[in-house]
N, C-alpha and C. Protein backbone atom coordinates (compact mmCIF):
# COMPACT_ATOMS: atom_id res chain seq x y z
N MET A 1 -95.03 9.57 9.20
CA MET A 1 -93.66 9.30 10.00
C MET A 1 -94.02 8.02 10.07
N VAL A 2 -93.19 6.97 9.29
CA VAL A 2 -92.84 5.25 8.73
C VAL A 2 -91.39 5.38 9.33
N VAL A 3 -91.59 4.59 10.55
CA VAL A 3 -90.24 4.11 11.78
C VAL A 3 -90.28 3.16 10.94
N LYS A 4 -88.95 3.45 10.68
CA LYS A 4 -87.57 2.56 9.84
C LYS A 4 -86.55 1.93 10.61
N ASN A 5 -86.42 0.47 10.66
CA ASN A 5 -85.26 0.01 11.24
C ASN A 5 -84.88 -1.21 10.54
N PRO A 6 -83.15 -1.25 10.90
CA PRO A 6 -82.25 -2.27 10.33
C PRO A 6 -82.72 -3.41 10.01
N ASP A 7 -83.27 -4.34 11.16
CA ASP A 7 -83.72 -5.16 11.36
C ASP A 7 -83.94 -5.86 10.38
N THR A 8 -83.86 -7.11 9.97
CA THR A 8 -84.53 -7.80 8.97
C THR A 8 -85.90 -8.66 9.61
N ARG A 9 -85.76 -8.82 10.73
CA ARG A 9 -87.04 -9.78 11.44
C ARG A 9 -88.27 -9.16 10.95
N GLN A 10 -89.43 -10.23 10.97
CA GLN A 10 -90.79 -9.97 11.01
C GLN A 10 -91.34 -8.85 12.05
N ARG A 11 -92.10 -8.04 11.83
CA ARG A 11 -92.37 -7.33 13.19
C ARG A 11 -94.19 -7.75 13.23
N TRP A 12 -94.11 -7.71 14.25
CA TRP A 12 -95.35 -8.17 14.77
C TRP A 12 -95.96 -7.02 15.79
N TYR A 13 -97.54 -6.84 15.39
CA TYR A 13 -98.09 -5.64 16.47
C TYR A 13 -99.12 -6.75 16.93
N TYR A 14 -99.05 -6.57 18.65
CA TYR A 14 -100.44 -7.09 19.53
C TYR A 14 -100.99 -6.22 20.23
N ASP A 15 -102.60 -6.70 19.79
CA ASP A 15 -103.38 -5.45 20.09
C ASP A 15 -103.88 -5.84 21.41
N ALA A 16 -104.62 -5.60 22.31
CA ALA A 16 -105.17 -5.94 23.32
C ALA A 16 -105.90 -7.11 23.77
N CYS A 17 -106.76 -7.44 22.38
CA CYS A 17 -107.58 -8.99 22.72
C CYS A 17 -106.49 -9.84 22.86
N VAL A 18 -105.40 -9.79 22.20
CA VAL A 18 -104.14 -11.32 22.55
C VAL A 18 -103.91 -11.03 23.91
N LEU A 19 -103.64 -10.00 24.26
CA LEU A 19 -102.87 -9.88 25.18
C LEU A 19 -103.65 -10.60 26.70
N ASP A 20 -104.90 -10.84 26.38
CA ASP A 20 -105.64 -11.52 27.63
C ASP A 20 -105.84 -13.24 27.11
N HIS A 21 -104.51 -13.37 26.22
CA HIS A 21 -104.41 -14.69 25.92
C HIS A 21 -103.34 -15.19 26.19
N GLU A 22 -103.09 -16.74 27.03
CA GLU A 22 -101.48 -16.98 27.50
C GLU A 22 -100.65 -17.50 26.50
N LYS A 23 -101.61 -17.68 25.22
CA LYS A 23 -100.64 -18.69 23.87
C LYS A 23 -99.45 -17.41 23.48
N SER A 24 -100.15 -15.74 23.55
CA SER A 24 -99.59 -14.96 23.38
C SER A 24 -97.97 -14.73 23.90
N TYR A 25 -98.04 -15.24 25.28
CA TYR A 25 -96.76 -14.50 25.61
C TYR A 25 -95.84 -15.99 25.28
N HIS A 26 -96.89 -16.80 25.18
CA HIS A 26 -95.76 -17.61 25.10
C HIS A 26 -94.89 -17.64 23.38
N GLU A 27 -95.55 -17.00 22.43
CA GLU A 27 -95.09 -16.37 21.22
C GLU A 27 -94.12 -15.37 21.45
N ILE A 28 -94.40 -14.57 22.12
CA ILE A 28 -93.51 -13.55 22.36
C ILE A 28 -92.12 -13.43 22.73
N VAL A 29 -92.05 -14.76 24.21
CA VAL A 29 -91.13 -15.27 24.57
C VAL A 29 -90.19 -16.23 23.65
N ASN A 30 -91.06 -17.13 23.30
CA ASN A 30 -90.26 -18.35 22.76
C ASN A 30 -89.83 -18.39 21.03
N LYS A 31 -90.59 -17.20 20.01
CA LYS A 31 -90.36 -16.64 18.84
C LYS A 31 -89.44 -15.02 18.64
N ASN A 32 -89.04 -14.90 20.12
CA ASN A 32 -88.09 -13.30 20.34
C ASN A 32 -87.22 -13.37 18.95
N ASP A 33 -86.44 -14.51 18.67
CA ASP A 33 -85.43 -14.34 17.88
C ASP A 33 -85.74 -14.56 15.98
N LEU A 34 -87.13 -14.47 16.26
CA LEU A 34 -87.61 -14.40 14.90
C LEU A 34 -88.33 -13.51 14.65
N ARG A 35 -88.93 -12.45 15.13
CA ARG A 35 -89.43 -11.61 15.19
C ARG A 35 -89.51 -10.52 16.13
N ILE A 36 -89.77 -9.15 15.80
CA ILE A 36 -89.42 -7.96 16.48
C ILE A 36 -91.50 -7.86 17.14
N ASN A 37 -91.14 -7.63 18.30
CA ASN A 37 -92.66 -8.04 18.96
C ASN A 37 -92.71 -5.95 19.42
N TYR A 38 -93.98 -5.78 18.97
CA TYR A 38 -94.49 -4.29 19.84
C TYR A 38 -95.86 -4.37 19.98
N VAL A 39 -95.78 -3.90 21.27
CA VAL A 39 -97.24 -4.04 22.16
C VAL A 39 -97.34 -2.36 22.18
N SER A 40 -98.57 -1.44 22.21
CA SER A 40 -98.40 -0.33 22.24
C SER A 40 -99.28 0.12 23.59
N HIS A 41 -98.72 1.68 24.05
CA HIS A 41 -99.28 2.02 25.15
C HIS A 41 -100.99 1.18 25.08
N LEU A 42 -101.53 1.95 23.77
CA LEU A 42 -102.61 1.64 24.01
C LEU A 42 -103.73 -0.21 24.21
N SER A 43 -102.71 -0.78 24.10
CA SER A 43 -102.70 -2.38 24.04
C SER A 43 -102.42 -2.53 25.74
N ILE A 44 -101.54 -2.58 25.84
CA ILE A 44 -101.66 -2.61 27.72
C ILE A 44 -102.74 -1.68 28.54
N GLY A 45 -103.08 -0.98 27.77
CA GLY A 45 -103.79 -0.26 29.24
C GLY A 45 -105.45 -0.65 28.91
N GLU A 46 -105.60 -1.27 27.29
CA GLU A 46 -107.08 -1.89 27.46
C GLU A 46 -107.10 -3.18 27.82
N ALA A 47 -105.87 -3.89 27.49
CA ALA A 47 -106.03 -5.23 28.39
C ALA A 47 -106.29 -4.89 30.26
N TYR A 48 -105.25 -4.24 30.52
CA TYR A 48 -105.45 -3.65 32.00
C TYR A 48 -106.85 -3.09 32.43
N GLY A 49 -107.39 -2.67 31.66
CA GLY A 49 -108.89 -2.39 31.99
C GLY A 49 -109.58 -3.09 31.94
N ASN A 50 -109.50 -4.32 30.85
CA ASN A 50 -109.82 -5.71 30.74
C ASN A 50 -110.08 -6.58 32.28
N CYS A 51 -108.89 -6.56 32.83
CA CYS A 51 -108.90 -7.27 33.61
C CYS A 51 -109.47 -6.89 35.26
N LEU A 52 -109.86 -5.23 34.95
CA LEU A 52 -110.76 -4.73 36.10
C LEU A 52 -112.52 -4.69 35.80
N ARG A 53 -112.30 -4.50 34.28
CA ARG A 53 -113.68 -4.43 33.81
C ARG A 53 -114.22 -6.02 33.91
N LYS A 54 -114.13 -6.74 33.88
CA LYS A 54 -114.82 -8.17 33.27
C LYS A 54 -115.13 -8.71 34.87
N GLY A 55 -114.83 -8.22 35.64
CA GLY A 55 -115.82 -8.66 36.84
C GLY A 55 -114.42 -9.47 37.75
N LYS A 56 -113.56 -9.50 37.13
CA LYS A 56 -112.17 -10.19 37.78
C LYS A 56 -111.92 -9.10 39.02
N ASP A 57 -110.72 -9.82 39.79
CA ASP A 57 -110.59 -8.71 40.90
C ASP A 57 -108.92 -8.44 40.71
N GLU A 58 -108.64 -7.63 41.66
CA GLU A 58 -107.49 -6.77 41.63
C GLU A 58 -106.44 -7.22 41.24
N ASN A 59 -106.29 -9.00 41.97
CA ASN A 59 -105.32 -9.60 42.05
C ASN A 59 -105.10 -10.27 40.03
N GLN A 60 -105.98 -10.18 39.60
CA GLN A 60 -105.78 -10.38 37.82
C GLN A 60 -105.09 -9.32 37.40
N ALA A 61 -105.70 -8.01 37.94
CA ALA A 61 -104.92 -6.72 37.62
C ALA A 61 -103.17 -6.63 37.88
N ALA A 62 -102.83 -6.92 39.06
CA ALA A 62 -101.53 -6.86 39.09
C ALA A 62 -100.95 -8.21 38.66
N ALA A 63 -101.40 -9.25 38.56
CA ALA A 63 -100.59 -10.31 38.02
C ALA A 63 -100.73 -10.34 36.30
N PHE A 64 -101.38 -9.38 35.31
CA PHE A 64 -101.12 -9.07 34.03
C PHE A 64 -99.92 -7.73 34.63
N ILE A 65 -99.72 -7.16 35.07
CA ILE A 65 -98.67 -6.15 35.60
C ILE A 65 -96.88 -6.53 35.88
N ASN A 66 -97.71 -8.17 36.36
CA ASN A 66 -96.35 -8.52 36.68
C ASN A 66 -96.12 -9.36 35.64
N LEU A 67 -96.87 -9.82 34.45
CA LEU A 67 -96.79 -10.39 33.41
C LEU A 67 -96.36 -9.67 32.52
N ILE A 68 -96.44 -8.60 32.56
CA ILE A 68 -96.15 -7.50 31.47
C ILE A 68 -94.40 -7.02 31.59
N ASN A 69 -94.03 -7.04 32.76
CA ASN A 69 -92.81 -6.72 33.09
C ASN A 69 -91.65 -7.78 33.35
N THR A 70 -92.69 -9.30 33.18
CA THR A 70 -91.33 -10.00 32.90
C THR A 70 -91.18 -10.26 31.50
N VAL A 71 -92.14 -10.20 30.30
CA VAL A 71 -91.91 -10.22 29.18
C VAL A 71 -91.43 -8.60 28.05
N LYS A 72 -91.15 -7.75 29.52
CA LYS A 72 -90.60 -6.65 29.24
C LYS A 72 -89.72 -6.48 28.09
N LYS A 73 -88.75 -7.44 27.90
CA LYS A 73 -87.45 -7.53 27.40
C LYS A 73 -87.46 -8.00 26.35
N TYR A 74 -88.64 -8.92 26.21
CA TYR A 74 -88.95 -9.10 24.54
C TYR A 74 -90.02 -8.56 23.88
N ILE A 75 -90.62 -7.13 24.52
CA ILE A 75 -91.18 -6.58 23.57
C ILE A 75 -90.66 -4.98 23.53
N ASN A 76 -91.08 -4.51 22.58
CA ASN A 76 -91.05 -3.04 22.28
C ASN A 76 -92.37 -2.31 22.35
N ILE A 77 -92.28 -1.50 23.75
CA ILE A 77 -93.80 -1.04 24.19
C ILE A 77 -93.29 0.22 23.24
N ILE A 78 -94.30 0.76 22.35
CA ILE A 78 -95.05 1.84 21.93
C ILE A 78 -95.76 2.69 22.17
N GLY A 79 -95.38 4.09 21.94
CA GLY A 79 -96.26 5.27 21.41
C GLY A 79 -97.34 5.01 20.30
N ASN A 80 -98.31 5.41 20.47
CA ASN A 80 -99.57 5.82 19.68
C ASN A 80 -99.63 6.90 19.14
N ASP A 81 -98.75 8.30 19.71
CA ASP A 81 -99.24 9.34 19.17
C ASP A 81 -98.61 9.36 17.74
N GLY A 82 -98.99 10.68 17.12
CA GLY A 82 -97.91 10.97 16.37
C GLY A 82 -98.27 10.70 14.80
N ARG A 83 -99.45 10.04 15.22
CA ARG A 83 -99.69 8.84 13.92
C ARG A 83 -101.13 9.44 12.98
N SER A 84 -101.66 11.09 13.24
CA SER A 84 -102.53 11.65 12.54
C SER A 84 -102.64 11.28 11.14
N GLU A 85 -101.82 11.12 10.39
CA GLU A 85 -101.93 10.95 8.85
C GLU A 85 -102.27 9.29 8.50
N TYR A 86 -101.77 8.23 9.65
CA TYR A 86 -101.96 6.86 8.88
C TYR A 86 -103.69 6.77 9.96
N PHE A 87 -103.71 7.66 10.60
CA PHE A 87 -105.13 7.47 11.70
C PHE A 87 -106.20 7.90 10.76
N ASN A 88 -106.24 9.12 9.79
CA ASN A 88 -106.90 9.53 8.96
C ASN A 88 -107.45 8.72 7.83
N LYS A 89 -106.09 8.46 7.06
CA LYS A 89 -106.29 7.39 6.37
C LYS A 89 -106.85 5.96 6.27
N VAL A 90 -106.66 5.39 7.72
CA VAL A 90 -107.73 4.04 8.04
C VAL A 90 -108.90 4.69 8.59
N ARG A 91 -108.87 5.44 9.38
CA ARG A 91 -110.56 6.03 9.34
C ARG A 91 -111.41 6.40 8.40
N THR A 92 -110.64 7.00 7.27
CA THR A 92 -111.24 7.12 5.96
C THR A 92 -112.05 5.63 5.56
N LYS A 93 -110.99 5.05 5.23
CA LYS A 93 -111.03 3.41 4.36
C LYS A 93 -112.10 2.72 5.48
N PHE A 94 -111.98 2.67 6.36
CA PHE A 94 -112.67 1.96 7.53
C PHE A 94 -113.53 2.36 8.20
N SER A 95 -114.83 3.18 8.07
CA SER A 95 -114.65 3.88 8.80
C SER A 95 -116.15 3.64 9.95
N HIS A 96 -116.25 2.09 9.75
CA HIS A 96 -117.00 1.44 10.83
C HIS A 96 -116.22 1.02 11.87
N LEU A 97 -114.87 0.57 11.85
CA LEU A 97 -114.02 0.68 13.02
C LEU A 97 -113.90 1.68 14.32
N ASP A 98 -114.52 1.11 15.58
CA ASP A 98 -114.14 1.94 16.68
C ASP A 98 -113.13 2.54 16.66
N LEU A 99 -112.92 3.85 17.50
CA LEU A 99 -111.67 4.15 17.86
C LEU A 99 -110.41 3.76 17.92
N CYS A 100 -110.57 2.49 18.59
CA CYS A 100 -109.39 2.04 19.35
C CYS A 100 -108.75 1.15 18.34
N ASP A 101 -109.90 0.50 17.83
CA ASP A 101 -109.24 -0.43 16.62
C ASP A 101 -108.73 0.41 15.25
N THR A 102 -109.11 1.80 14.94
CA THR A 102 -108.39 2.23 14.29
C THR A 102 -107.13 2.98 14.71
N VAL A 103 -106.94 3.03 15.82
CA VAL A 103 -105.37 3.31 16.27
C VAL A 103 -104.60 2.32 16.50
N HIS A 104 -105.11 1.15 16.48
CA HIS A 104 -104.22 -0.12 16.78
C HIS A 104 -103.72 -0.84 15.29
N LEU A 105 -104.87 -0.21 14.55
CA LEU A 105 -104.24 -0.26 12.81
C LEU A 105 -103.56 0.79 12.45
N SER A 106 -103.74 2.04 12.86
CA SER A 106 -102.59 2.88 12.02
C SER A 106 -101.78 2.57 12.67
N THR A 107 -101.29 2.58 14.17
CA THR A 107 -100.02 2.12 14.60
C THR A 107 -99.07 1.16 14.10
N ALA A 108 -99.58 0.14 13.78
CA ALA A 108 -98.89 -1.06 13.26
C ALA A 108 -98.89 -1.01 11.57
N ILE A 109 -99.28 0.17 11.02
CA ILE A 109 -98.86 0.21 9.35
C ILE A 109 -97.58 1.15 10.04
N SER A 110 -97.91 2.12 10.73
CA SER A 110 -96.79 3.24 10.94
C SER A 110 -95.27 2.82 11.24
N TYR A 111 -95.85 1.47 12.01
CA TYR A 111 -94.64 1.03 12.60
C TYR A 111 -94.10 -0.31 11.92
N SER A 112 -94.21 0.01 10.35
CA SER A 112 -94.07 -1.41 9.16
C SER A 112 -94.34 -2.62 9.29
N CYS A 113 -95.31 -2.94 10.49
CA CYS A 113 -95.34 -4.71 10.88
C CYS A 113 -96.20 -5.12 9.70
N ASP A 114 -95.38 -6.58 9.75
CA ASP A 114 -95.73 -7.65 9.01
C ASP A 114 -97.15 -7.72 9.00
N ILE A 115 -97.30 -8.53 10.77
CA ILE A 115 -98.34 -8.97 11.11
C ILE A 115 -99.21 -8.11 12.26
N LEU A 116 -100.47 -7.84 12.20
CA LEU A 116 -101.20 -7.18 13.51
C LEU A 116 -101.92 -8.62 13.89
N LEU A 117 -101.23 -8.94 15.02
CA LEU A 117 -101.85 -10.21 15.65
C LEU A 117 -103.29 -9.82 16.49
N THR A 118 -104.46 -10.31 16.77
CA THR A 118 -106.03 -10.04 16.98
C THR A 118 -106.81 -11.13 17.52
N ASN A 119 -107.28 -10.97 18.70
CA ASN A 119 -108.64 -11.81 18.49
C ASN A 119 -110.11 -11.07 18.20
N ASP A 120 -109.90 -10.07 17.59
CA ASP A 120 -110.87 -9.40 17.20
C ASP A 120 -111.54 -9.15 16.15
N CYS A 121 -112.79 -9.50 16.14
CA CYS A 121 -113.52 -10.14 14.95
C CYS A 121 -113.62 -8.84 13.72
N HIS A 122 -113.79 -7.62 14.54
CA HIS A 122 -113.31 -6.32 13.53
C HIS A 122 -112.59 -5.93 13.18
N LEU A 123 -111.22 -6.53 13.38
CA LEU A 123 -109.95 -6.23 12.75
C LEU A 123 -109.56 -7.35 11.72
N SER A 124 -109.98 -8.71 12.48
CA SER A 124 -109.71 -10.01 11.47
C SER A 124 -110.76 -10.14 10.39
N GLY A 125 -112.30 -9.46 10.32
CA GLY A 125 -113.03 -9.21 9.59
C GLY A 125 -112.91 -8.83 8.12
N LEU A 126 -111.45 -7.59 8.54
CA LEU A 126 -111.31 -6.36 7.11
C LEU A 126 -110.89 -7.70 6.07
N ASP A 127 -111.18 -6.80 4.52
CA ASP A 127 -110.86 -7.23 3.65
C ASP A 127 -109.08 -7.54 3.28
N ALA A 128 -108.53 -8.27 3.53
CA ALA A 128 -107.42 -8.60 3.38
C ALA A 128 -106.30 -7.73 2.11
N LYS A 129 -106.94 -7.95 1.03
CA LYS A 129 -106.62 -7.05 0.21
C LYS A 129 -106.43 -5.31 0.34
N GLU A 130 -107.69 -5.24 0.77
CA GLU A 130 -107.64 -3.50 1.19
C GLU A 130 -106.77 -3.43 1.95
N ILE A 131 -106.26 -4.07 3.06
CA ILE A 131 -104.98 -4.29 4.18
C ILE A 131 -103.86 -3.90 3.44
N LYS A 132 -103.67 -4.72 2.76
CA LYS A 132 -102.43 -5.01 2.04
C LYS A 132 -102.30 -3.33 0.97
N GLU A 133 -103.08 -3.37 0.29
CA GLU A 133 -102.99 -2.12 -0.32
C GLU A 133 -102.60 -0.66 0.28
N LEU A 134 -103.59 -0.22 1.59
CA LEU A 134 -103.67 1.06 2.45
C LEU A 134 -102.13 0.77 2.80
N SER A 135 -101.84 -0.21 3.71
CA SER A 135 -100.29 -0.15 4.21
C SER A 135 -99.83 -0.33 3.50
N GLU A 136 -99.51 -1.17 2.03
CA GLU A 136 -97.95 -0.75 1.43
C GLU A 136 -97.71 0.92 0.44
N GLU A 137 -99.28 1.56 0.53
CA GLU A 137 -99.19 3.02 0.64
C GLU A 137 -99.13 3.37 1.26
N LEU A 138 -99.10 3.28 2.78
CA LEU A 138 -98.51 4.12 3.74
C LEU A 138 -97.39 3.74 4.34
N SER A 139 -96.82 2.91 3.70
CA SER A 139 -95.73 2.42 4.88
C SER A 139 -94.29 1.39 3.86
N GLY A 140 -94.95 0.84 2.70
CA GLY A 140 -94.52 0.15 1.64
C GLY A 140 -93.96 -1.06 2.44
N LYS A 141 -94.49 -1.60 3.75
CA LYS A 141 -95.08 -3.11 3.93
C LYS A 141 -96.30 -3.65 3.87
N LYS A 142 -96.88 -4.93 3.37
CA LYS A 142 -98.14 -5.24 3.40
C LYS A 142 -98.55 -5.95 4.52
N LEU A 143 -99.38 -5.47 5.53
CA LEU A 143 -99.53 -6.06 6.47
C LEU A 143 -100.43 -6.93 6.01
N ILE A 144 -100.39 -8.13 7.14
CA ILE A 144 -101.67 -9.61 7.80
C ILE A 144 -101.98 -9.01 8.27
N ILE A 145 -103.34 -9.39 8.70
CA ILE A 145 -103.94 -9.49 9.91
C ILE A 145 -104.35 -11.31 10.66
N LYS A 146 -103.19 -11.06 11.18
CA LYS A 146 -103.10 -13.01 11.86
C LYS A 146 -104.21 -12.83 13.16
N LYS A 147 -105.59 -13.86 13.40
CA LYS A 147 -106.19 -14.13 14.08
C LYS A 147 -105.65 -15.14 15.72
N ILE A 148 -105.43 -15.19 16.23
CA ILE A 148 -105.02 -15.68 17.22
C ILE A 148 -105.93 -16.93 17.68
């Protein structure tokens, strides 16, 4: 199920790693008229968990939730479910990716994203040609993984 949208702006998917960077929020707000910003439930959950897991206090997690609420009007919060066809093909092609990275990549492809923004070396290290070929096959778009 490819998600179609008549809006011609570029579609950007933000994984959990970039939600830990202040620069991402400036881009989301300041470039909103140029692109459609997607953040998935998984991205938010992972980033929130990172606030708690990395020895940060609960104030960090609360600040993260406040930040998400502030930028909510500039992002589309999307689900990761219902993507098994994409997940299986991504998993077959890139079997070394962990579960979360596979879900991020398959979600970005299924939403016909132009860019997957990440700071994760496992995603940014994938072969660009293979990503473009797979995403074009599955969604008709040539996805580019961009490292922040």
